[in-house]
Structure formats: structure tokens, C-alpha cells
Amino acid sequence: MWPWPSPPRATAISFRLWCGDGGEGAKYWLQVLTELKNRGVEDILMLVCDGLKGLPDSVAAVWPATIVQTCIVHLMRNSFTYTSRKDWDGISRALKPIYQAATVKEAEDRFLDFQEAWGEKYPAIVRLWENAWAEFTPFLRFDREIRRIVCTTNAIESVNAGIRKAVKARGHFPNAQAALKCVYMAVMALDPTGKGRARWNQRWKQALNAFDITFDGRLSARKN
């Protein structure tokens, strides 16, 4: 899960870590999101995720105005799990016009084209996209700057990769607190000087302006 935040500010950044039991249903996410709201997260414009079941309903219960967007990279990756390797290039070319469509209507037309070309051979891919359609299409309503930011969870996936590397190197932990400490140290080690955060701030400039206009000043209201 990656809740995209308000505009970056020159203040200290805090984050919350949870040590769960492996369950990621609606009840679990409702608890997590409610805690985030109670800790001061008043509003989230869009939340990009990898298709976790129950998450959209939990988000709607806590922040009704938040748009939930499925990660396009995860959707593509899951599509390839149903295909033989020799068809990967063809499937990729056929799906690309869908997520690069200028409008939702155009995406629907290109999806019909995909069904005609590949639906008989790979009905599971068609079903996958049909089930994800409601959370796939929101970003198609926005301009290119917003699409570039919200189409994937790659940013948090990179953080997760760093955490997995640290956990694997440690091997085992005597208790949950030790595990959380390892995760915390891994996150802090990703950008010890803050230069990476500064680069991200610059990359966000155009997108933040587009977000503020698209979401009727909700970003500006939070700065005041």
C-alpha cells in the first residue's frame, strides 16, 4: 500500500510500522487506516495499491473522497502469469493501448480489441482485467503528469526490496520489536543524507500543480 501524501515539506518525516500476522483483509486494513487518520492523516487524494482485496472498501470507510488506483505494473505482471513466454511480447503490445488510452471510452474499445485477439486463448487475463477495471480506470481521467505518478507502486516496491535485503541478511529475530528495529534501520539507510528526498521533491513539482487543480484545491487547503 502506498498512500500518496500532501506536498513534500522541509520538516521531519515520521512513519508508522505495523507487525501483522499475515492477514490483509478488509478488517485489518480498516484498523490500519483508522489509526493513520487518528494520527493526523486528514485526507488522501489517491491511494495506489497492488489489488489487495478489501482495501478499497476500507479506504472508502475512512476517507470517502479518496480514489483507489490499481498499480498498472502489477496488473501487467499478473497478466503474464497466465501466458506462455512466447506470447509475452504479443500480450504486452495488445495491453499497452489499454493503459495508454486517452480516455476511459478508448480504453474500453482497446480492451474489446484485446478480447477479440487473445480472449479465447487466455480468458483468465480477460477476467483479471474485468475484475480490476473499477480500480484500473481512475488514472485515465487525469493528465499525463498525474498518470506518471500514480500508475505504479514502484516507489514503495523499491523500499520493500531494501527491507527484504536487510531482513534476509539478519536471518531471524528473537521478537517482533527486533524485527521492527531492523525494518526501521533499513528504511533510514535508503536515504541517509536526504538527497534522494530532495530529488523526489523536484520530480513532484509538476504533478503537485496538476493534483491541486484536478482535486479542486484540496492540496492548497491543507497547506493553509
C-alpha atoms as a PDB file:
ATOM      1  CA  MET A   1       0.000   0.000   0.000  1.00  0.00           C
ATOM      2  CA  TRP A   2       1.222   3.499  -0.814  1.00  0.00           C
ATOM      3  CA  PRO A   3      -0.921   6.444   0.353  1.00  0.00           C
ATOM      4  CA  TRP A   4       0.359   9.398  -1.667  1.00  0.00           C
ATOM      5  CA  PRO A   5       0.924  12.282   0.730  1.00  0.00           C
ATOM      6  CA  SER A   6       0.491  16.021   0.712  1.00  0.00           C
ATOM      7  CA  PRO A   7       3.202  18.209  -0.876  1.00  0.00           C
ATOM      8  CA  PRO A   8       6.690  17.466   0.491  1.00  0.00           C
ATOM      9  CA  ARG A   9       7.728  19.923   3.192  1.00  0.00           C
ATOM     10  CA  ALA A  10      11.050  20.809   4.774  1.00  0.00           C
ATOM     11  CA  THR A  11      10.102  19.157   8.055  1.00  0.00           C
ATOM     12  CA  ALA A  12      10.882  15.887   9.752  1.00  0.00           C
ATOM     13  CA  ILE A  13       9.188  12.833   8.291  1.00  0.00           C
ATOM     14  CA  SER A  14       7.555  10.266  10.555  1.00  0.00           C
ATOM     15  CA  PHE A  15       6.210   6.887   9.626  1.00  0.00           C
ATOM     16  CA  ARG A  16       4.378   4.039  11.304  1.00  0.00           C
ATOM     17  CA  LEU A  17       5.332   0.367  11.207  1.00  0.00           C
ATOM     18  CA  TRP A  18       2.933  -2.497  11.897  1.00  0.00           C
ATOM     19  CA  CYS A  19       3.866  -6.049  12.741  1.00  0.00           C
ATOM     20  CA  GLY A  20       0.971  -8.113  11.416  1.00  0.00           C
ATOM     21  CA  ASP A  21       0.058 -11.785  11.379  1.00  0.00           C
ATOM     22  CA  GLY A  22      -0.053 -12.094   7.592  1.00  0.00           C
ATOM     23  CA  GLY A  23      -3.730 -11.272   7.159  1.00  0.00           C
ATOM     24  CA  GLU A  24      -4.595  -8.426   4.765  1.00  0.00           C
ATOM     25  CA  GLY A  25      -8.376  -8.449   4.679  1.00  0.00           C
ATOM     26  CA  ALA A  26     -10.776  -5.517   4.893  1.00  0.00           C
ATOM     27  CA  LYS A  27     -10.913  -5.662   8.688  1.00  0.00           C
ATOM     28  CA  TYR A  28      -7.124  -5.437   9.005  1.00  0.00           C
ATOM     29  CA  TRP A  29      -6.840  -2.503   6.597  1.00  0.00           C
ATOM     30  CA  LEU A  30      -9.717  -0.668   8.264  1.00  0.00           C
ATOM     31  CA  GLN A  31      -7.774  -0.853  11.526  1.00  0.00           C
ATOM     32  CA  VAL A  32      -4.566   0.417   9.896  1.00  0.00           C
ATOM     33  CA  LEU A  33      -6.235   3.255   8.004  1.00  0.00           C
ATOM     34  CA  THR A  34      -8.280   4.337  11.017  1.00  0.00           C
ATOM     35  CA  GLU A  35      -5.096   4.570  13.068  1.00  0.00           C
ATOM     36  CA  LEU A  36      -3.454   6.666  10.345  1.00  0.00           C
ATOM     37  CA  LYS A  37      -6.427   9.030  10.376  1.00  0.00           C
ATOM     38  CA  ASN A  38      -6.354   9.243  14.164  1.00  0.00           C
ATOM     39  CA  ARG A  39      -2.639  10.087  13.970  1.00  0.00           C
ATOM     40  CA  GLY A  40      -3.367  13.110  11.772  1.00  0.00           C
ATOM     41  CA  VAL A  41      -3.741  11.966   8.139  1.00  0.00           C
ATOM     42  CA  GLU A  42      -6.814  14.031   7.359  1.00  0.00           C
ATOM     43  CA  ASP A  43      -7.066  13.402   3.641  1.00  0.00           C
ATOM     44  CA  ILE A  44      -5.627  11.211   0.868  1.00  0.00           C
ATOM     45  CA  LEU A  45      -6.242  12.129  -2.758  1.00  0.00           C
ATOM     46  CA  MET A  46      -5.353   8.798  -4.354  1.00  0.00           C
ATOM     47  CA  LEU A  47      -4.163   5.513  -2.928  1.00  0.00           C
ATOM     48  CA  VAL A  48      -2.234   3.251  -5.290  1.00  0.00           C
ATOM     49  CA  CYS A  49      -2.130  -0.438  -4.398  1.00  0.00           C
ATOM     50  CA  ASP A  50      -1.448  -3.829  -5.946  1.00  0.00           C
ATOM     51  CA  GLY A  51      -5.026  -5.103  -5.951  1.00  0.00           C
ATOM     52  CA  LEU A  52      -5.400  -6.120  -2.301  1.00  0.00           C
ATOM     53  CA  LYS A  53      -8.907  -7.419  -1.647  1.00  0.00           C
ATOM     54  CA  GLY A  54     -10.890  -5.449   0.893  1.00  0.00           C
ATOM     55  CA  LEU A  55      -8.659  -2.373   0.711  1.00  0.00           C
ATOM     56  CA  PRO A  56     -10.962  -0.210  -1.478  1.00  0.00           C
ATOM     57  CA  ASP A  57     -13.907  -0.753   0.899  1.00  0.00           C
ATOM     58  CA  SER A  58     -11.753   0.078   3.925  1.00  0.00           C
ATOM     59  CA  VAL A  59     -10.437   3.247   2.279  1.00  0.00           C
ATOM     60  CA  ALA A  60     -13.976   4.354   1.435  1.00  0.00           C
ATOM     61  CA  ALA A  61     -14.998   3.897   5.067  1.00  0.00           C
ATOM     62  CA  VAL A  62     -12.187   6.134   6.363  1.00  0.00           C
ATOM     63  CA  TRP A  63     -11.684   8.653   3.538  1.00  0.00           C
ATOM     64  CA  PRO A  64     -14.795   8.602   1.297  1.00  0.00           C
ATOM     65  CA  ALA A  65     -13.308  11.056  -1.221  1.00  0.00           C
ATOM     66  CA  THR A  66     -10.132   9.008  -1.807  1.00  0.00           C
ATOM     67  CA  ILE A  67      -9.650   7.360  -5.203  1.00  0.00           C
ATOM     68  CA  VAL A  68      -8.170   3.845  -5.142  1.00  0.00           C
ATOM     69  CA  GLN A  69      -5.951   3.065  -8.138  1.00  0.00           C
ATOM     70  CA  THR A  70      -4.564  -0.345  -9.074  1.00  0.00           C
ATOM     71  CA  CYS A  71      -0.855  -0.444  -9.913  1.00  0.00           C
ATOM     72  CA  ILE A  72      -0.547  -0.928 -13.687  1.00  0.00           C
ATOM     73  CA  VAL A  73       2.793  -2.719 -13.331  1.00  0.00           C
ATOM     74  CA  HIS A  74       1.221  -5.307 -11.008  1.00  0.00           C
ATOM     75  CA  LEU A  75      -1.719  -5.734 -13.377  1.00  0.00           C
ATOM     76  CA  MET A  76       0.631  -6.379 -16.291  1.00  0.00           C
ATOM     77  CA  ARG A  77       2.811  -8.707 -14.226  1.00  0.00           C
ATOM     78  CA  ASN A  78      -0.216 -10.709 -13.123  1.00  0.00           C
ATOM     79  CA  SER A  79      -1.369 -10.929 -16.746  1.00  0.00           C
ATOM     80  CA  PHE A  80       1.896 -12.564 -17.793  1.00  0.00           C
ATOM     81  CA  THR A  81       1.468 -15.316 -15.189  1.00  0.00           C
ATOM     82  CA  TYR A  82      -1.342 -16.731 -17.344  1.00  0.00           C
ATOM     83  CA  THR A  83       0.601 -16.756 -20.615  1.00  0.00           C
ATOM     84  CA  SER A  84       3.344 -18.819 -22.158  1.00  0.00           C
ATOM     85  CA  ARG A  85       6.617 -16.955 -22.554  1.00  0.00           C
ATOM     86  CA  LYS A  86       6.436 -16.947 -26.345  1.00  0.00           C
ATOM     87  CA  ASP A  87       3.286 -14.789 -26.168  1.00  0.00           C
ATOM     88  CA  TRP A  88       4.640 -12.180 -23.750  1.00  0.00           C
ATOM     89  CA  ASP A  89       5.558  -9.671 -26.464  1.00  0.00           C
ATOM     90  CA  GLY A  90       2.200 -10.032 -28.170  1.00  0.00           C
ATOM     91  CA  ILE A  91       0.268  -9.703 -24.910  1.00  0.00           C
ATOM     92  CA  SER A  92       2.335  -6.644 -23.949  1.00  0.00           C
ATOM     93  CA  ARG A  93       1.672  -4.920 -27.277  1.00  0.00           C
ATOM     94  CA  ALA A  94      -2.045  -5.701 -27.056  1.00  0.00           C
ATOM     95  CA  LEU A  95      -2.428  -4.399 -23.490  1.00  0.00           C
ATOM     96  CA  LYS A  96      -0.363  -1.240 -23.959  1.00  0.00           C
ATOM     97  CA  PRO A  97      -3.097   0.678 -25.869  1.00  0.00           C
ATOM     98  CA  ILE A  98      -5.474  -0.015 -22.980  1.00  0.00           C
ATOM     99  CA  TYR A  99      -3.447   1.643 -20.218  1.00  0.00           C
ATOM    100  CA  GLN A 100      -2.140   4.359 -22.550  1.00  0.00           C
ATOM    101  CA  ALA A 101      -5.601   5.299 -23.815  1.00  0.00           C
ATOM    102  CA  ALA A 102      -6.518   8.972 -23.841  1.00  0.00           C
ATOM    103  CA  THR A 103      -9.940   8.328 -22.303  1.00  0.00           C
ATOM    104  CA  VAL A 104     -11.825   5.620 -20.444  1.00  0.00           C
ATOM    105  CA  LYS A 105     -14.001   5.045 -23.538  1.00  0.00           C
ATOM    106  CA  GLU A 106     -10.917   4.486 -25.666  1.00  0.00           C
ATOM    107  CA  ALA A 107      -9.560   2.053 -23.068  1.00  0.00           C
ATOM    108  CA  GLU A 108     -12.831   0.100 -23.204  1.00  0.00           C
ATOM    109  CA  ASP A 109     -12.600  -0.112 -27.011  1.00  0.00           C
ATOM    110  CA  ARG A 110      -8.988  -1.307 -26.877  1.00  0.00           C
ATOM    111  CA  PHE A 111      -9.954  -3.878 -24.240  1.00  0.00           C
ATOM    112  CA  LEU A 112     -12.571  -5.241 -26.631  1.00  0.00           C
ATOM    113  CA  ASP A 113      -9.843  -5.494 -29.268  1.00  0.00           C
ATOM    114  CA  PHE A 114      -7.726  -7.442 -26.789  1.00  0.00           C
ATOM    115  CA  GLN A 115     -10.602  -9.801 -26.048  1.00  0.00           C
ATOM    116  CA  GLU A 116     -11.094 -10.496 -29.755  1.00  0.00           C
ATOM    117  CA  ALA A 117      -7.397 -11.175 -30.295  1.00  0.00           C
ATOM    118  CA  TRP A 118      -6.499 -13.078 -27.129  1.00  0.00           C
ATOM    119  CA  GLY A 119      -9.673 -13.801 -25.165  1.00  0.00           C
ATOM    120  CA  GLU A 120     -10.210 -17.297 -26.498  1.00  0.00           C
ATOM    121  CA  LYS A 121      -6.627 -18.363 -25.747  1.00  0.00           C
ATOM    122  CA  TYR A 122      -6.259 -16.529 -22.441  1.00  0.00           C
ATOM    123  CA  PRO A 123      -9.704 -15.999 -20.847  1.00  0.00           C
ATOM    124  CA  ALA A 124      -8.054 -15.697 -17.419  1.00  0.00           C
ATOM    125  CA  ILE A 125      -6.364 -12.435 -18.492  1.00  0.00           C
ATOM    126  CA  VAL A 126      -9.698 -11.028 -19.653  1.00  0.00           C
ATOM    127  CA  ARG A 127     -11.260 -11.980 -16.317  1.00  0.00           C
ATOM    128  CA  LEU A 128      -8.323 -10.438 -14.441  1.00  0.00           C
ATOM    129  CA  TRP A 129      -8.768  -7.068 -16.162  1.00  0.00           C
ATOM    130  CA  GLU A 130     -12.548  -7.162 -15.850  1.00  0.00           C
ATOM    131  CA  ASN A 131     -12.276  -7.730 -12.091  1.00  0.00           C
ATOM    132  CA  ALA A 132      -9.718  -4.917 -11.750  1.00  0.00           C
ATOM    133  CA  TRP A 133     -11.444  -2.489 -14.122  1.00  0.00           C
ATOM    134  CA  ALA A 134     -13.093  -0.277 -11.481  1.00  0.00           C
ATOM    135  CA  GLU A 135      -9.713   0.359  -9.804  1.00  0.00           C
ATOM    136  CA  PHE A 136      -7.750   0.390 -13.083  1.00  0.00           C
ATOM    137  CA  THR A 137      -9.546   3.229 -14.879  1.00  0.00           C
ATOM    138  CA  PRO A 138      -9.393   6.171 -12.404  1.00  0.00           C
ATOM    139  CA  PHE A 139      -5.966   7.407 -13.545  1.00  0.00           C
ATOM    140  CA  LEU A 140      -7.210   7.588 -17.165  1.00  0.00           C
ATOM    141  CA  ARG A 141      -9.276  10.632 -16.180  1.00  0.00           C
ATOM    142  CA  PHE A 142      -6.164  12.651 -15.351  1.00  0.00           C
ATOM    143  CA  ASP A 143      -3.424  14.342 -17.325  1.00  0.00           C
ATOM    144  CA  ARG A 144      -0.057  12.771 -18.110  1.00  0.00           C
ATOM    145  CA  GLU A 145       1.748  14.269 -15.108  1.00  0.00           C
ATOM    146  CA  ILE A 146      -0.652  12.653 -12.667  1.00  0.00           C
ATOM    147  CA  ARG A 147      -0.695   9.378 -14.602  1.00  0.00           C
ATOM    148  CA  ARG A 148       3.083   9.149 -14.436  1.00  0.00           C
ATOM    149  CA  ILE A 149       2.984   9.413 -10.635  1.00  0.00           C
ATOM    150  CA  VAL A 150       0.026   7.161  -9.823  1.00  0.00           C
ATOM    151  CA  CYS A 151       0.222   4.360 -12.399  1.00  0.00           C
ATOM    152  CA  THR A 152       2.605   2.226 -10.331  1.00  0.00           C
ATOM    153  CA  THR A 153       3.716   1.386  -6.810  1.00  0.00           C
ATOM    154  CA  ASN A 154       7.362   1.101  -7.938  1.00  0.00           C
ATOM    155  CA  ALA A 155       8.473   3.725  -5.410  1.00  0.00           C
ATOM    156  CA  ILE A 156       7.334   1.699  -2.427  1.00  0.00           C
ATOM    157  CA  GLU A 157       8.397  -1.552  -4.120  1.00  0.00           C
ATOM    158  CA  SER A 158      11.941  -0.183  -4.116  1.00  0.00           C
ATOM    159  CA  VAL A 159      11.675   0.450  -0.372  1.00  0.00           C
ATOM    160  CA  ASN A 160      10.308  -3.060   0.133  1.00  0.00           C
ATOM    161  CA  ALA A 161      13.268  -4.517  -1.753  1.00  0.00           C
ATOM    162  CA  GLY A 162      15.655  -2.757   0.623  1.00  0.00           C
ATOM    163  CA  ILE A 163      13.737  -4.094   3.621  1.00  0.00           C
ATOM    164  CA  ARG A 164      13.753  -7.657   2.279  1.00  0.00           C
ATOM    165  CA  LYS A 165      17.516  -7.475   1.723  1.00  0.00           C
ATOM    166  CA  ALA A 166      18.104  -6.335   5.319  1.00  0.00           C
ATOM    167  CA  VAL A 167      15.772  -8.949   6.785  1.00  0.00           C
ATOM    168  CA  LYS A 168      17.361 -11.739   4.745  1.00  0.00           C
ATOM    169  CA  ALA A 169      20.835 -10.709   5.897  1.00  0.00           C
ATOM    170  CA  ARG A 170      19.724 -10.751   9.546  1.00  0.00           C
ATOM    171  CA  GLY A 171      18.180 -14.198   9.220  1.00  0.00           C
ATOM    172  CA  HIS A 172      15.967 -14.404  12.318  1.00  0.00           C
ATOM    173  CA  PHE A 173      14.691 -12.220  15.141  1.00  0.00           C
ATOM    174  CA  PRO A 174      14.108 -13.013  18.824  1.00  0.00           C
ATOM    175  CA  ASN A 175      10.915 -10.928  18.926  1.00  0.00           C
ATOM    176  CA  ALA A 176       8.709  -8.529  16.963  1.00  0.00           C
ATOM    177  CA  GLN A 177      10.462  -5.463  18.369  1.00  0.00           C
ATOM    178  CA  ALA A 178      13.803  -6.638  16.986  1.00  0.00           C
ATOM    179  CA  ALA A 179      12.222  -7.187  13.573  1.00  0.00           C
ATOM    180  CA  LEU A 180      10.680  -3.712  13.575  1.00  0.00           C
ATOM    181  CA  LYS A 181      14.035  -2.187  14.531  1.00  0.00           C
ATOM    182  CA  CYS A 182      15.672  -3.935  11.576  1.00  0.00           C
ATOM    183  CA  VAL A 183      12.993  -2.628   9.220  1.00  0.00           C
ATOM    184  CA  TYR A 184      13.339   0.898  10.617  1.00  0.00           C
ATOM    185  CA  MET A 185      17.115   0.879  10.155  1.00  0.00           C
ATOM    186  CA  ALA A 186      16.736  -0.453   6.609  1.00  0.00           C
ATOM    187  CA  VAL A 187      14.343   2.361   5.694  1.00  0.00           C
ATOM    188  CA  MET A 188      16.584   5.037   7.194  1.00  0.00           C
ATOM    189  CA  ALA A 189      19.607   3.621   5.361  1.00  0.00           C
ATOM    190  CA  LEU A 190      17.929   4.061   1.972  1.00  0.00           C
ATOM    191  CA  ASP A 191      18.471   7.826   2.042  1.00  0.00           C
ATOM    192  CA  PRO A 192      20.812   8.711   4.930  1.00  0.00           C
ATOM    193  CA  THR A 193      21.727  12.166   3.581  1.00  0.00           C
ATOM    194  CA  GLY A 194      18.267  13.271   2.431  1.00  0.00           C
ATOM    195  CA  LYS A 195      19.490  13.927  -1.121  1.00  0.00           C
ATOM    196  CA  GLY A 196      17.108  11.324  -2.525  1.00  0.00           C
ATOM    197  CA  ARG A 197      14.149  13.032  -0.887  1.00  0.00           C
ATOM    198  CA  ALA A 198      15.278  16.336  -2.383  1.00  0.00           C
ATOM    199  CA  ARG A 199      15.312  14.797  -5.869  1.00  0.00           C
ATOM    200  CA  TRP A 200      11.825  13.388  -5.345  1.00  0.00           C
ATOM    201  CA  ASN A 201      10.598  16.825  -4.277  1.00  0.00           C
ATOM    202  CA  GLN A 202      11.723  18.243  -7.616  1.00  0.00           C
ATOM    203  CA  ARG A 203      10.124  15.389  -9.573  1.00  0.00           C
ATOM    204  CA  TRP A 204       6.827  16.086  -7.824  1.00  0.00           C
ATOM    205  CA  LYS A 205       6.592  19.788  -8.726  1.00  0.00           C
ATOM    206  CA  GLN A 206       4.594  19.500 -11.958  1.00  0.00           C
ATOM    207  CA  ALA A 207       2.468  16.664 -10.646  1.00  0.00           C
ATOM    208  CA  LEU A 208       1.589  18.613  -7.493  1.00  0.00           C
ATOM    209  CA  ASN A 209       0.310  21.531  -9.560  1.00  0.00           C
ATOM    210  CA  ALA A 210      -1.778  19.152 -11.639  1.00  0.00           C
ATOM    211  CA  PHE A 211      -3.079  17.445  -8.497  1.00  0.00           C
ATOM    212  CA  ASP A 212      -4.089  20.749  -6.909  1.00  0.00           C
ATOM    213  CA  ILE A 213      -6.101  21.761  -9.967  1.00  0.00           C
ATOM    214  CA  THR A 214      -7.632  18.335 -10.548  1.00  0.00           C
ATOM    215  CA  PHE A 215      -8.659  17.877  -6.914  1.00  0.00           C
ATOM    216  CA  ASP A 216     -10.207  21.345  -6.519  1.00  0.00           C
ATOM    217  CA  GLY A 217      -7.573  22.846  -4.245  1.00  0.00           C
ATOM    218  CA  ARG A 218      -7.552  20.102  -1.618  1.00  0.00           C
ATOM    219  CA  LEU A 219      -3.749  20.309  -1.523  1.00  0.00           C
ATOM    220  CA  SER A 220      -3.750  24.098  -1.092  1.00  0.00           C
ATOM    221  CA  ALA A 221      -6.361  23.858   1.656  1.00  0.00           C
ATOM    222  CA  ARG A 222      -4.141  21.502   3.622  1.00  0.00           C
ATOM    223  CA  LYS A 223      -1.184  23.873   3.429  1.00  0.00           C
ATOM    224  CA  ASN A 224      -3.140  26.765   4.916  1.00  0.00           C
END
